[in-house]
Amino acid sequence: MKILALELSTARGSLTWLDGEVEDGHEWPNDRKNSAPFFENLNAVTKKFGGPETIIVGLGPGSYAGTRIAISAAIGLQLSSDARLIGFPSICAIQCDARQYCAIGDARRKSFFFACIRGHELVEGPTLFSQSELQAKLESLEPGIPIFSSESLPQFERTMVRYPSALVLARLAREPHRSFSLPPLEPIYLREPHITIPKVKTEA
């Protein structure tokens, strides 16, 4: 199966082509204001290997802009290659040896998200907490459970910086029992999208 995996939800972008024993992976600093490295790597891989049969996209949580770019690129490739398109939580694709780990992140507005992952599947969350609530949550975990974040969060002592991996996503795409998201794909929203409703004009 020819698999293309795209991951742009954090400050480290990655892309992987997987076909049998062939693994061609690329990583780069993911500047949210400059997506040129992503498209350069994507162009190089598709020129080298052709069209994929399956495209998997990391859905976050993380950078909405990065995730949307990855989804849009995947949709374009799907239309030209007739590939199967699926999505999966990025936080379930962190490369590590632990079968179970927790992922946290800054959700802005003085809140943080928490999720628990076992066997690359979400078993809890992502759920929003205040800093004090998350601190209490982390203190309640067993000492041996790793805690990962894709950004530095020194206020939470046990946290290690790790990034989602397109290579892990590509390998997971080979496993049909996974709970993949199907089109239309959307980033994982930690809150309901905010919609501004215009004021109704009243006649004088």
N, C-alpha and C. Protein backbone atom coordinates (compact mmCIF):
# COMPACT_ATOMS: atom_id res chain seq x y z
N MET A 1 0.84 -1.20 0.00
CA MET A 1 0.00 0.00 0.00
C MET A 1 0.88 1.25 0.00
N LYS A 2 0.62 2.14 -0.94
CA LYS A 2 1.38 3.39 -1.04
C LYS A 2 0.71 4.44 -0.14
N ILE A 3 1.39 4.81 0.93
CA ILE A 3 0.81 5.70 1.95
C ILE A 3 1.59 7.00 2.01
N LEU A 4 0.88 8.11 2.04
CA LEU A 4 1.48 9.42 2.25
C LEU A 4 0.89 10.00 3.53
N ALA A 5 1.76 10.37 4.47
CA ALA A 5 1.32 10.94 5.75
C ALA A 5 1.78 12.38 5.86
N LEU A 6 0.87 13.24 6.32
CA LEU A 6 1.15 14.68 6.44
C LEU A 6 0.87 15.11 7.88
N GLU A 7 1.83 15.81 8.50
CA GLU A 7 1.68 16.26 9.88
C GLU A 7 2.22 17.68 10.03
N LEU A 8 1.30 18.63 10.27
CA LEU A 8 1.67 20.04 10.38
C LEU A 8 1.06 20.71 11.61
N SER A 9 0.74 19.95 12.64
CA SER A 9 0.01 20.52 13.78
C SER A 9 0.89 21.20 14.81
N THR A 10 2.23 21.05 14.68
CA THR A 10 3.14 21.62 15.68
C THR A 10 4.27 22.39 15.00
N ALA A 11 5.24 22.81 15.79
CA ALA A 11 6.37 23.57 15.26
C ALA A 11 7.36 22.71 14.48
N ARG A 12 7.14 21.41 14.44
CA ARG A 12 7.96 20.53 13.61
C ARG A 12 7.06 19.83 12.61
N GLY A 13 7.20 20.21 11.36
CA GLY A 13 6.42 19.56 10.31
C GLY A 13 7.09 18.27 9.87
N SER A 14 6.29 17.33 9.40
CA SER A 14 6.85 16.10 8.88
C SER A 14 5.96 15.51 7.80
N LEU A 15 6.58 14.73 6.95
CA LEU A 15 5.91 14.11 5.81
C LEU A 15 6.60 12.78 5.56
N THR A 16 5.84 11.73 5.33
CA THR A 16 6.44 10.41 5.12
C THR A 16 5.73 9.68 3.99
N TRP A 17 6.53 9.06 3.12
CA TRP A 17 6.02 8.14 2.10
C TRP A 17 6.36 6.73 2.57
N LEU A 18 5.37 5.85 2.57
CA LEU A 18 5.57 4.47 3.02
C LEU A 18 4.98 3.53 1.99
N ASP A 19 5.81 2.62 1.49
CA ASP A 19 5.37 1.65 0.50
C ASP A 19 6.17 0.36 0.71
N GLY A 20 5.56 -0.62 1.36
CA GLY A 20 6.29 -1.84 1.69
C GLY A 20 7.42 -1.55 2.64
N GLU A 21 8.63 -1.87 2.23
CA GLU A 21 9.80 -1.61 3.05
C GLU A 21 10.39 -0.23 2.82
N VAL A 22 9.84 0.50 1.86
CA VAL A 22 10.36 1.84 1.53
C VAL A 22 9.76 2.87 2.48
N GLU A 23 10.61 3.57 3.22
CA GLU A 23 10.19 4.66 4.09
C GLU A 23 11.00 5.90 3.74
N ASP A 24 10.33 6.91 3.26
CA ASP A 24 11.00 8.17 2.90
C ASP A 24 10.39 9.27 3.75
N GLY A 25 11.10 9.68 4.80
CA GLY A 25 10.57 10.66 5.74
C GLY A 25 11.31 11.99 5.67
N HIS A 26 10.59 13.07 5.91
CA HIS A 26 11.16 14.42 5.90
C HIS A 26 10.63 15.19 7.10
N GLU A 27 11.48 15.97 7.76
CA GLU A 27 11.09 16.84 8.87
C GLU A 27 11.70 18.22 8.68
N TRP A 28 11.05 19.26 9.20
CA TRP A 28 11.56 20.61 9.06
C TRP A 28 10.90 21.50 10.12
N PRO A 29 11.53 22.64 10.46
CA PRO A 29 10.88 23.60 11.36
C PRO A 29 9.63 24.15 10.67
N ASN A 30 8.50 24.04 11.32
CA ASN A 30 7.22 24.39 10.70
C ASN A 30 6.82 25.80 11.08
N ASP A 31 7.18 26.76 10.25
CA ASP A 31 6.82 28.16 10.46
C ASP A 31 5.39 28.36 9.96
N ARG A 32 4.50 28.74 10.86
CA ARG A 32 3.09 28.87 10.49
C ARG A 32 2.86 29.94 9.43
N LYS A 33 3.81 30.87 9.27
CA LYS A 33 3.65 31.94 8.29
C LYS A 33 4.32 31.62 6.96
N ASN A 34 4.99 30.47 6.90
CA ASN A 34 5.69 30.10 5.66
C ASN A 34 5.56 28.60 5.44
N SER A 35 4.68 28.23 4.55
CA SER A 35 4.44 26.81 4.28
C SER A 35 5.26 26.29 3.10
N ALA A 36 6.21 27.11 2.60
CA ALA A 36 7.01 26.70 1.45
C ALA A 36 7.76 25.39 1.68
N PRO A 37 8.41 25.17 2.86
CA PRO A 37 9.12 23.90 3.06
C PRO A 37 8.21 22.68 2.95
N PHE A 38 6.98 22.81 3.41
CA PHE A 38 6.03 21.71 3.31
C PHE A 38 5.76 21.37 1.85
N PHE A 39 5.45 22.39 1.05
CA PHE A 39 5.12 22.12 -0.35
C PHE A 39 6.34 21.68 -1.15
N GLU A 40 7.53 22.15 -0.78
CA GLU A 40 8.75 21.69 -1.44
C GLU A 40 8.96 20.20 -1.18
N ASN A 41 8.80 19.77 0.07
CA ASN A 41 8.96 18.36 0.41
C ASN A 41 7.86 17.52 -0.23
N LEU A 42 6.64 18.02 -0.22
CA LEU A 42 5.53 17.30 -0.82
C LEU A 42 5.74 17.12 -2.33
N ASN A 43 6.20 18.18 -2.98
CA ASN A 43 6.45 18.11 -4.42
C ASN A 43 7.56 17.11 -4.73
N ALA A 44 8.62 17.12 -3.90
CA ALA A 44 9.74 16.20 -4.14
C ALA A 44 9.30 14.75 -3.99
N VAL A 45 8.49 14.46 -2.98
CA VAL A 45 8.06 13.08 -2.73
C VAL A 45 7.11 12.60 -3.83
N THR A 46 6.16 13.43 -4.23
CA THR A 46 5.21 13.00 -5.25
C THR A 46 5.88 12.86 -6.62
N LYS A 47 6.89 13.68 -6.89
CA LYS A 47 7.64 13.52 -8.14
C LYS A 47 8.43 12.22 -8.14
N LYS A 48 8.96 11.86 -6.98
CA LYS A 48 9.80 10.66 -6.87
C LYS A 48 8.98 9.38 -6.90
N PHE A 49 7.82 9.38 -6.23
CA PHE A 49 7.07 8.14 -6.05
C PHE A 49 5.74 8.10 -6.79
N GLY A 50 5.23 9.23 -7.23
CA GLY A 50 3.94 9.25 -7.90
C GLY A 50 2.80 9.43 -6.91
N GLY A 51 1.62 8.97 -7.30
CA GLY A 51 0.43 9.19 -6.48
C GLY A 51 0.27 8.14 -5.40
N PRO A 52 -0.21 8.54 -4.23
CA PRO A 52 -0.46 7.58 -3.13
C PRO A 52 -1.78 6.85 -3.31
N GLU A 53 -1.93 5.76 -2.60
CA GLU A 53 -3.19 5.04 -2.54
C GLU A 53 -3.98 5.43 -1.29
N THR A 54 -3.26 5.82 -0.24
CA THR A 54 -3.88 6.29 1.01
C THR A 54 -3.15 7.55 1.47
N ILE A 55 -3.90 8.55 1.88
CA ILE A 55 -3.34 9.77 2.47
C ILE A 55 -3.89 9.89 3.88
N ILE A 56 -2.99 10.03 4.85
CA ILE A 56 -3.40 10.22 6.24
C ILE A 56 -2.88 11.56 6.74
N VAL A 57 -3.73 12.30 7.43
CA VAL A 57 -3.40 13.64 7.91
C VAL A 57 -3.54 13.69 9.43
N GLY A 58 -2.55 14.27 10.10
CA GLY A 58 -2.65 14.52 11.54
C GLY A 58 -3.61 15.68 11.79
N LEU A 59 -4.59 15.47 12.67
CA LEU A 59 -5.66 16.44 12.88
C LEU A 59 -5.48 17.29 14.13
N GLY A 60 -4.33 17.17 14.82
CA GLY A 60 -4.10 17.97 16.01
C GLY A 60 -4.45 17.22 17.29
N PRO A 61 -4.81 17.95 18.35
CA PRO A 61 -4.93 19.41 18.43
C PRO A 61 -3.58 20.09 18.31
N GLY A 62 -3.64 21.35 17.89
CA GLY A 62 -2.42 22.12 17.68
C GLY A 62 -2.72 23.31 16.80
N SER A 63 -1.86 23.56 15.85
CA SER A 63 -2.02 24.69 14.95
C SER A 63 -3.16 24.45 13.98
N TYR A 64 -4.23 25.25 14.10
CA TYR A 64 -5.34 25.13 13.15
C TYR A 64 -4.86 25.43 11.73
N ALA A 65 -4.05 26.50 11.60
CA ALA A 65 -3.57 26.90 10.27
C ALA A 65 -2.77 25.77 9.62
N GLY A 66 -1.83 25.20 10.37
CA GLY A 66 -1.02 24.12 9.82
C GLY A 66 -1.85 22.92 9.44
N THR A 67 -2.78 22.55 10.31
CA THR A 67 -3.61 21.39 10.05
C THR A 67 -4.51 21.62 8.84
N ARG A 68 -5.05 22.82 8.71
CA ARG A 68 -5.89 23.13 7.56
C ARG A 68 -5.09 23.05 6.25
N ILE A 69 -3.84 23.53 6.30
CA ILE A 69 -2.99 23.46 5.10
C ILE A 69 -2.76 22.00 4.70
N ALA A 70 -2.48 21.16 5.69
CA ALA A 70 -2.26 19.74 5.42
C ALA A 70 -3.52 19.09 4.84
N ILE A 71 -4.68 19.42 5.41
CA ILE A 71 -5.94 18.86 4.92
C ILE A 71 -6.21 19.32 3.48
N SER A 72 -6.00 20.61 3.21
CA SER A 72 -6.24 21.14 1.87
C SER A 72 -5.33 20.48 0.84
N ALA A 73 -4.06 20.31 1.20
CA ALA A 73 -3.12 19.65 0.29
C ALA A 73 -3.54 18.20 0.05
N ALA A 74 -3.99 17.53 1.10
CA ALA A 74 -4.42 16.14 0.97
C ALA A 74 -5.64 16.02 0.07
N ILE A 75 -6.57 16.96 0.19
CA ILE A 75 -7.76 16.93 -0.66
C ILE A 75 -7.37 17.09 -2.12
N GLY A 76 -6.44 18.02 -2.39
CA GLY A 76 -5.97 18.21 -3.76
C GLY A 76 -5.33 16.96 -4.33
N LEU A 77 -4.50 16.30 -3.52
CA LEU A 77 -3.86 15.07 -3.97
C LEU A 77 -4.87 13.95 -4.16
N GLN A 78 -5.86 13.90 -3.28
CA GLN A 78 -6.89 12.87 -3.40
C GLN A 78 -7.64 13.00 -4.72
N LEU A 79 -7.94 14.21 -5.11
CA LEU A 79 -8.68 14.43 -6.35
C LEU A 79 -7.89 13.98 -7.57
N SER A 80 -6.57 14.14 -7.51
CA SER A 80 -5.74 13.79 -8.66
C SER A 80 -5.32 12.32 -8.68
N SER A 81 -5.36 11.67 -7.51
CA SER A 81 -4.86 10.29 -7.44
C SER A 81 -5.95 9.28 -7.08
N ASP A 82 -7.14 9.76 -6.71
CA ASP A 82 -8.24 8.89 -6.28
C ASP A 82 -7.85 8.06 -5.06
N ALA A 83 -7.03 8.65 -4.17
CA ALA A 83 -6.56 7.95 -2.98
C ALA A 83 -7.63 7.96 -1.89
N ARG A 84 -7.51 7.02 -0.96
CA ARG A 84 -8.34 7.04 0.25
C ARG A 84 -7.80 8.12 1.17
N LEU A 85 -8.66 8.95 1.72
CA LEU A 85 -8.24 10.04 2.61
C LEU A 85 -8.77 9.78 4.01
N ILE A 86 -7.87 9.79 5.00
CA ILE A 86 -8.25 9.57 6.39
C ILE A 86 -7.50 10.54 7.29
N GLY A 87 -8.03 10.75 8.47
CA GLY A 87 -7.38 11.60 9.47
C GLY A 87 -7.23 10.86 10.78
N PHE A 88 -6.31 11.35 11.62
CA PHE A 88 -6.07 10.71 12.91
C PHE A 88 -5.50 11.77 13.85
N PRO A 89 -5.82 11.71 15.15
CA PRO A 89 -5.28 12.71 16.08
C PRO A 89 -3.75 12.71 16.08
N SER A 90 -3.17 13.87 15.91
CA SER A 90 -1.70 13.99 15.89
C SER A 90 -1.09 13.51 17.20
N ILE A 91 -1.75 13.80 18.32
CA ILE A 91 -1.19 13.43 19.62
C ILE A 91 -1.14 11.91 19.82
N CYS A 92 -1.83 11.16 18.96
CA CYS A 92 -1.75 9.70 19.02
C CYS A 92 -0.59 9.16 18.20
N ALA A 93 0.16 10.05 17.57
CA ALA A 93 1.26 9.64 16.69
C ALA A 93 2.60 10.18 17.17
N ILE A 94 2.75 10.34 18.47
CA ILE A 94 4.04 10.74 19.03
C ILE A 94 4.94 9.51 19.08
N GLN A 95 6.15 9.65 18.56
CA GLN A 95 7.06 8.50 18.50
C GLN A 95 7.72 8.29 19.86
N CYS A 96 7.41 7.16 20.48
CA CYS A 96 8.00 6.84 21.79
C CYS A 96 7.87 5.34 22.02
N ASP A 97 8.59 4.85 23.01
CA ASP A 97 8.57 3.42 23.32
C ASP A 97 7.42 3.03 24.26
N ALA A 98 6.84 4.02 24.91
CA ALA A 98 5.79 3.73 25.91
C ALA A 98 4.47 3.36 25.23
N ARG A 99 3.82 2.33 25.74
CA ARG A 99 2.50 1.96 25.21
C ARG A 99 1.45 2.98 25.63
N GLN A 100 1.64 3.58 26.83
CA GLN A 100 0.69 4.57 27.32
C GLN A 100 1.44 5.84 27.67
N TYR A 101 0.88 6.97 27.28
CA TYR A 101 1.45 8.26 27.66
C TYR A 101 0.34 9.30 27.68
N CYS A 102 0.66 10.46 28.23
CA CYS A 102 -0.27 11.58 28.26
C CYS A 102 0.29 12.72 27.43
N ALA A 103 -0.58 13.48 26.83
CA ALA A 103 -0.18 14.64 26.04
C ALA A 103 -0.90 15.86 26.58
N ILE A 104 -0.15 16.95 26.72
CA ILE A 104 -0.73 18.21 27.18
C ILE A 104 -0.30 19.32 26.24
N GLY A 105 -0.99 20.45 26.32
CA GLY A 105 -0.63 21.58 25.48
C GLY A 105 -1.33 22.84 25.93
N ASP A 106 -0.78 23.96 25.55
CA ASP A 106 -1.36 25.26 25.86
C ASP A 106 -2.53 25.51 24.92
N ALA A 107 -3.72 25.65 25.48
CA ALA A 107 -4.92 25.90 24.69
C ALA A 107 -5.31 27.37 24.68
N ARG A 108 -4.41 28.23 25.16
CA ARG A 108 -4.64 29.67 25.24
C ARG A 108 -5.80 29.99 26.19
N ARG A 109 -6.08 31.26 26.36
CA ARG A 109 -7.13 31.74 27.28
C ARG A 109 -6.97 31.13 28.67
N LYS A 110 -5.70 31.04 29.13
CA LYS A 110 -5.36 30.53 30.46
C LYS A 110 -5.87 29.10 30.68
N SER A 111 -5.84 28.30 29.64
CA SER A 111 -6.27 26.91 29.77
C SER A 111 -5.29 25.99 29.05
N PHE A 112 -5.35 24.71 29.38
CA PHE A 112 -4.46 23.71 28.82
C PHE A 112 -5.29 22.46 28.51
N PHE A 113 -4.84 21.71 27.49
CA PHE A 113 -5.55 20.46 27.22
C PHE A 113 -4.76 19.28 27.76
N PHE A 114 -5.50 18.24 28.07
CA PHE A 114 -4.93 16.98 28.56
C PHE A 114 -5.56 15.84 27.80
N ALA A 115 -4.74 14.86 27.43
CA ALA A 115 -5.25 13.65 26.79
C ALA A 115 -4.40 12.47 27.22
N CYS A 116 -5.03 11.31 27.27
CA CYS A 116 -4.31 10.07 27.58
C CYS A 116 -4.40 9.15 26.37
N ILE A 117 -3.27 8.59 25.98
CA ILE A 117 -3.19 7.75 24.79
C ILE A 117 -2.64 6.39 25.18
N ARG A 118 -3.31 5.34 24.71
CA ARG A 118 -2.83 3.98 24.96
C ARG A 118 -2.88 3.20 23.66
N GLY A 119 -1.75 2.63 23.29
CA GLY A 119 -1.70 1.89 22.03
C GLY A 119 -2.04 2.75 20.84
N HIS A 120 -1.65 4.03 20.88
CA HIS A 120 -1.90 5.01 19.82
C HIS A 120 -3.38 5.32 19.63
N GLU A 121 -4.19 5.07 20.65
CA GLU A 121 -5.62 5.46 20.60
C GLU A 121 -5.94 6.34 21.79
N LEU A 122 -6.80 7.32 21.57
CA LEU A 122 -7.25 8.18 22.66
C LEU A 122 -8.11 7.37 23.62
N VAL A 123 -7.77 7.41 24.89
CA VAL A 123 -8.60 6.77 25.91
C VAL A 123 -9.20 7.80 26.87
N GLU A 124 -8.69 9.03 26.78
CA GLU A 124 -9.25 10.13 27.58
C GLU A 124 -8.91 11.45 26.92
N GLY A 125 -9.92 12.32 26.82
CA GLY A 125 -9.70 13.66 26.30
C GLY A 125 -9.69 13.72 24.78
N PRO A 126 -9.17 14.85 24.24
CA PRO A 126 -8.57 15.96 24.99
C PRO A 126 -9.61 16.80 25.74
N THR A 127 -9.24 17.15 26.99
CA THR A 127 -10.10 17.90 27.89
C THR A 127 -9.37 19.15 28.34
N LEU A 128 -10.10 20.25 28.50
CA LEU A 128 -9.51 21.51 28.92
C LEU A 128 -9.48 21.64 30.45
N PHE A 129 -8.35 22.15 30.96
CA PHE A 129 -8.18 22.40 32.39
C PHE A 129 -7.53 23.76 32.59
N SER A 130 -7.75 24.34 33.77
CA SER A 130 -6.95 25.49 34.18
C SER A 130 -5.56 24.98 34.58
N GLN A 131 -4.63 25.88 34.81
CA GLN A 131 -3.29 25.44 35.18
C GLN A 131 -3.31 24.65 36.49
N SER A 132 -4.04 25.13 37.48
CA SER A 132 -4.07 24.41 38.76
C SER A 132 -4.77 23.06 38.63
N GLU A 133 -5.82 23.01 37.82
CA GLU A 133 -6.52 21.74 37.60
C GLU A 133 -5.63 20.74 36.89
N LEU A 134 -4.89 21.21 35.90
CA LEU A 134 -4.01 20.30 35.18
C LEU A 134 -2.88 19.84 36.07
N GLN A 135 -2.35 20.74 36.90
CA GLN A 135 -1.30 20.35 37.83
C GLN A 135 -1.78 19.22 38.74
N ALA A 136 -2.98 19.34 39.25
CA ALA A 136 -3.54 18.29 40.11
C ALA A 136 -3.76 17.00 39.33
N LYS A 137 -4.20 17.13 38.07
CA LYS A 137 -4.41 15.95 37.24
C LYS A 137 -3.11 15.20 37.00
N LEU A 138 -2.05 15.94 36.70
CA LEU A 138 -0.76 15.31 36.43
C LEU A 138 -0.17 14.67 37.69
N GLU A 139 -0.38 15.31 38.82
CA GLU A 139 0.11 14.75 40.09
C GLU A 139 -0.59 13.46 40.46
N SER A 140 -1.79 13.25 39.91
CA SER A 140 -2.55 12.04 40.22
C SER A 140 -2.14 10.84 39.35
N LEU A 141 -1.33 11.10 38.32
CA LEU A 141 -0.91 10.03 37.42
C LEU A 141 0.16 9.17 38.08
N GLU A 142 0.26 7.93 37.61
CA GLU A 142 1.33 7.07 38.07
C GLU A 142 2.67 7.64 37.63
N PRO A 143 3.69 7.57 38.48
CA PRO A 143 4.99 8.19 38.17
C PRO A 143 5.62 7.73 36.86
N GLY A 144 5.34 6.50 36.44
CA GLY A 144 6.00 5.97 35.25
C GLY A 144 5.37 6.35 33.93
N ILE A 145 4.24 7.05 33.96
CA ILE A 145 3.57 7.42 32.71
C ILE A 145 4.21 8.68 32.13
N PRO A 146 4.75 8.61 30.92
CA PRO A 146 5.36 9.81 30.32
C PRO A 146 4.31 10.88 30.03
N ILE A 147 4.75 12.14 30.13
CA ILE A 147 3.90 13.28 29.79
C ILE A 147 4.61 14.07 28.71
N PHE A 148 3.98 14.21 27.54
CA PHE A 148 4.60 14.88 26.41
C PHE A 148 3.84 16.15 26.04
N SER A 149 4.59 17.11 25.52
CA SER A 149 4.01 18.32 24.96
C SER A 149 4.84 18.73 23.75
N SER A 150 4.22 19.34 22.77
CA SER A 150 4.96 19.78 21.59
C SER A 150 5.54 21.18 21.76
N GLU A 151 5.41 21.73 22.96
CA GLU A 151 6.01 23.03 23.28
C GLU A 151 6.52 22.99 24.72
N SER A 152 7.42 23.89 25.03
CA SER A 152 7.99 23.93 26.37
C SER A 152 6.96 24.44 27.37
N LEU A 153 6.69 23.63 28.40
CA LEU A 153 5.76 24.02 29.47
C LEU A 153 6.45 23.76 30.81
N PRO A 154 7.40 24.61 31.17
CA PRO A 154 8.21 24.36 32.37
C PRO A 154 7.42 24.37 33.67
N GLN A 155 6.21 24.93 33.67
CA GLN A 155 5.41 24.95 34.89
C GLN A 155 4.91 23.56 35.27
N PHE A 156 4.99 22.61 34.32
CA PHE A 156 4.61 21.23 34.59
C PHE A 156 5.88 20.38 34.53
N GLU A 157 6.40 20.02 35.70
CA GLU A 157 7.77 19.52 35.83
C GLU A 157 8.07 18.25 35.04
N ARG A 158 7.15 17.35 34.95
CA ARG A 158 7.43 16.05 34.33
C ARG A 158 7.35 16.07 32.80
N THR A 159 6.99 17.20 32.24
CA THR A 159 6.71 17.26 30.81
C THR A 159 7.98 17.21 29.97
N MET A 160 7.95 16.38 28.93
CA MET A 160 9.04 16.28 27.96
C MET A 160 8.53 16.74 26.60
N VAL A 161 9.36 17.48 25.86
CA VAL A 161 8.96 17.96 24.54
C VAL A 161 9.14 16.83 23.52
N ARG A 162 8.05 16.47 22.89
CA ARG A 162 8.04 15.48 21.81
C ARG A 162 7.03 15.93 20.76
N TYR A 163 7.29 15.54 19.52
CA TYR A 163 6.42 15.98 18.43
C TYR A 163 5.71 14.79 17.77
N PRO A 164 4.52 15.03 17.24
CA PRO A 164 3.88 13.99 16.42
C PRO A 164 4.75 13.68 15.20
N SER A 165 4.61 12.47 14.70
CA SER A 165 5.47 12.00 13.61
C SER A 165 4.63 11.50 12.44
N ALA A 166 4.93 12.00 11.25
CA ALA A 166 4.26 11.51 10.05
C ALA A 166 4.58 10.04 9.82
N LEU A 167 5.77 9.60 10.22
CA LEU A 167 6.13 8.19 10.07
C LEU A 167 5.21 7.31 10.89
N VAL A 168 4.92 7.72 12.13
CA VAL A 168 4.00 6.95 12.96
C VAL A 168 2.61 6.95 12.33
N LEU A 169 2.17 8.09 11.83
CA LEU A 169 0.87 8.16 11.16
C LEU A 169 0.81 7.18 9.98
N ALA A 170 1.87 7.17 9.18
CA ALA A 170 1.89 6.28 8.01
C ALA A 170 1.80 4.82 8.42
N ARG A 171 2.51 4.45 9.48
CA ARG A 171 2.45 3.06 9.94
C ARG A 171 1.07 2.71 10.50
N LEU A 172 0.45 3.68 11.18
CA LEU A 172 -0.89 3.43 11.72
C LEU A 172 -1.92 3.26 10.60
N ALA A 173 -1.69 3.93 9.47
CA ALA A 173 -2.63 3.83 8.35
C ALA A 173 -2.71 2.42 7.79
N ARG A 174 -1.73 1.58 8.11
CA ARG A 174 -1.75 0.18 7.66
C ARG A 174 -2.68 -0.69 8.50
N GLU A 175 -3.16 -0.14 9.62
CA GLU A 175 -3.92 -0.95 10.57
C GLU A 175 -5.41 -0.63 10.43
N PRO A 176 -6.17 -1.51 9.79
CA PRO A 176 -7.58 -1.20 9.45
C PRO A 176 -8.51 -1.04 10.65
N HIS A 177 -8.12 -1.55 11.83
CA HIS A 177 -9.02 -1.47 12.99
C HIS A 177 -8.99 -0.10 13.66
N ARG A 178 -8.11 0.78 13.24
CA ARG A 178 -7.99 2.09 13.88
C ARG A 178 -9.24 2.94 13.64
N SER A 179 -9.50 3.85 14.59
CA SER A 179 -10.68 4.71 14.49
C SER A 179 -10.33 5.98 13.71
N PHE A 180 -10.14 5.82 12.41
CA PHE A 180 -9.78 6.94 11.55
C PHE A 180 -10.98 7.86 11.32
N SER A 181 -10.69 9.15 11.14
CA SER A 181 -11.72 10.09 10.70
C SER A 181 -11.80 10.05 9.18
N LEU A 182 -13.02 10.18 8.66
CA LEU A 182 -13.24 10.15 7.22
C LEU A 182 -13.65 11.54 6.74
N PRO A 183 -13.50 11.83 5.45
CA PRO A 183 -13.89 13.14 4.93
C PRO A 183 -15.36 13.45 5.21
N PRO A 184 -15.69 14.73 5.40
CA PRO A 184 -14.79 15.90 5.35
C PRO A 184 -13.95 16.02 6.61
N LEU A 185 -12.63 16.12 6.45
CA LEU A 185 -11.73 16.21 7.59
C LEU A 185 -11.70 17.63 8.15
N GLU A 186 -11.58 17.72 9.46
CA GLU A 186 -11.46 19.01 10.15
C GLU A 186 -10.42 18.90 11.24
N PRO A 187 -9.74 20.01 11.58
CA PRO A 187 -8.85 20.00 12.74
C PRO A 187 -9.63 19.66 14.00
N ILE A 188 -8.97 19.10 14.98
CA ILE A 188 -9.60 18.83 16.28
C ILE A 188 -9.76 20.16 17.01
N TYR A 189 -10.99 20.53 17.28
CA TYR A 189 -11.27 21.78 17.98
C TYR A 189 -11.39 21.51 19.48
N LEU A 190 -10.65 22.26 20.27
CA LEU A 190 -10.73 22.14 21.72
C LEU A 190 -11.92 22.92 22.27
N ARG A 191 -12.35 23.90 21.50
CA ARG A 191 -13.55 24.67 21.85
C ARG A 191 -14.43 24.74 20.62
N GLU A 192 -15.68 25.10 20.83
CA GLU A 192 -16.56 25.32 19.70
C GLU A 192 -16.03 26.51 18.89
N PRO A 193 -16.00 26.39 17.55
CA PRO A 193 -15.55 27.52 16.74
C PRO A 193 -16.35 28.78 17.05
N HIS A 194 -15.63 29.90 17.23
CA HIS A 194 -16.30 31.16 17.56
C HIS A 194 -16.81 31.82 16.29
N ILE A 195 -18.11 32.13 16.28
CA ILE A 195 -18.73 32.77 15.12
C ILE A 195 -19.29 34.12 15.56
N THR A 196 -18.86 35.16 14.87
CA THR A 196 -19.39 36.50 15.16
C THR A 196 -20.65 36.72 14.34
N ILE A 197 -21.75 36.97 15.03
CA ILE A 197 -23.03 37.23 14.36
C ILE A 197 -23.20 38.73 14.17
N PRO A 198 -23.38 39.15 12.92
CA PRO A 198 -23.51 40.60 12.69
C PRO A 198 -24.78 41.16 13.35
N LYS A 199 -24.67 42.39 13.78
CA LYS A 199 -25.82 43.04 14.40
C LYS A 199 -26.88 43.31 13.36
N VAL A 200 -28.11 43.17 13.77
CA VAL A 200 -29.23 43.43 12.87
C VAL A 200 -29.50 44.94 12.85
N LYS A 201 -29.48 45.49 11.65
CA LYS A 201 -29.73 46.91 11.52
C LYS A 201 -31.21 47.21 11.70
N THR A 202 -31.49 48.20 12.49
CA THR A 202 -32.90 48.61 12.68
C THR A 202 -33.15 49.89 11.93
N GLU A 203 -34.32 49.97 11.39
CA GLU A 203 -34.67 51.18 10.65
C GLU A 203 -34.92 52.33 11.61
N ALA A 204 -34.47 53.50 11.21
CA ALA A 204 -34.64 54.69 12.04
C ALA A 204 -36.10 55.12 12.08
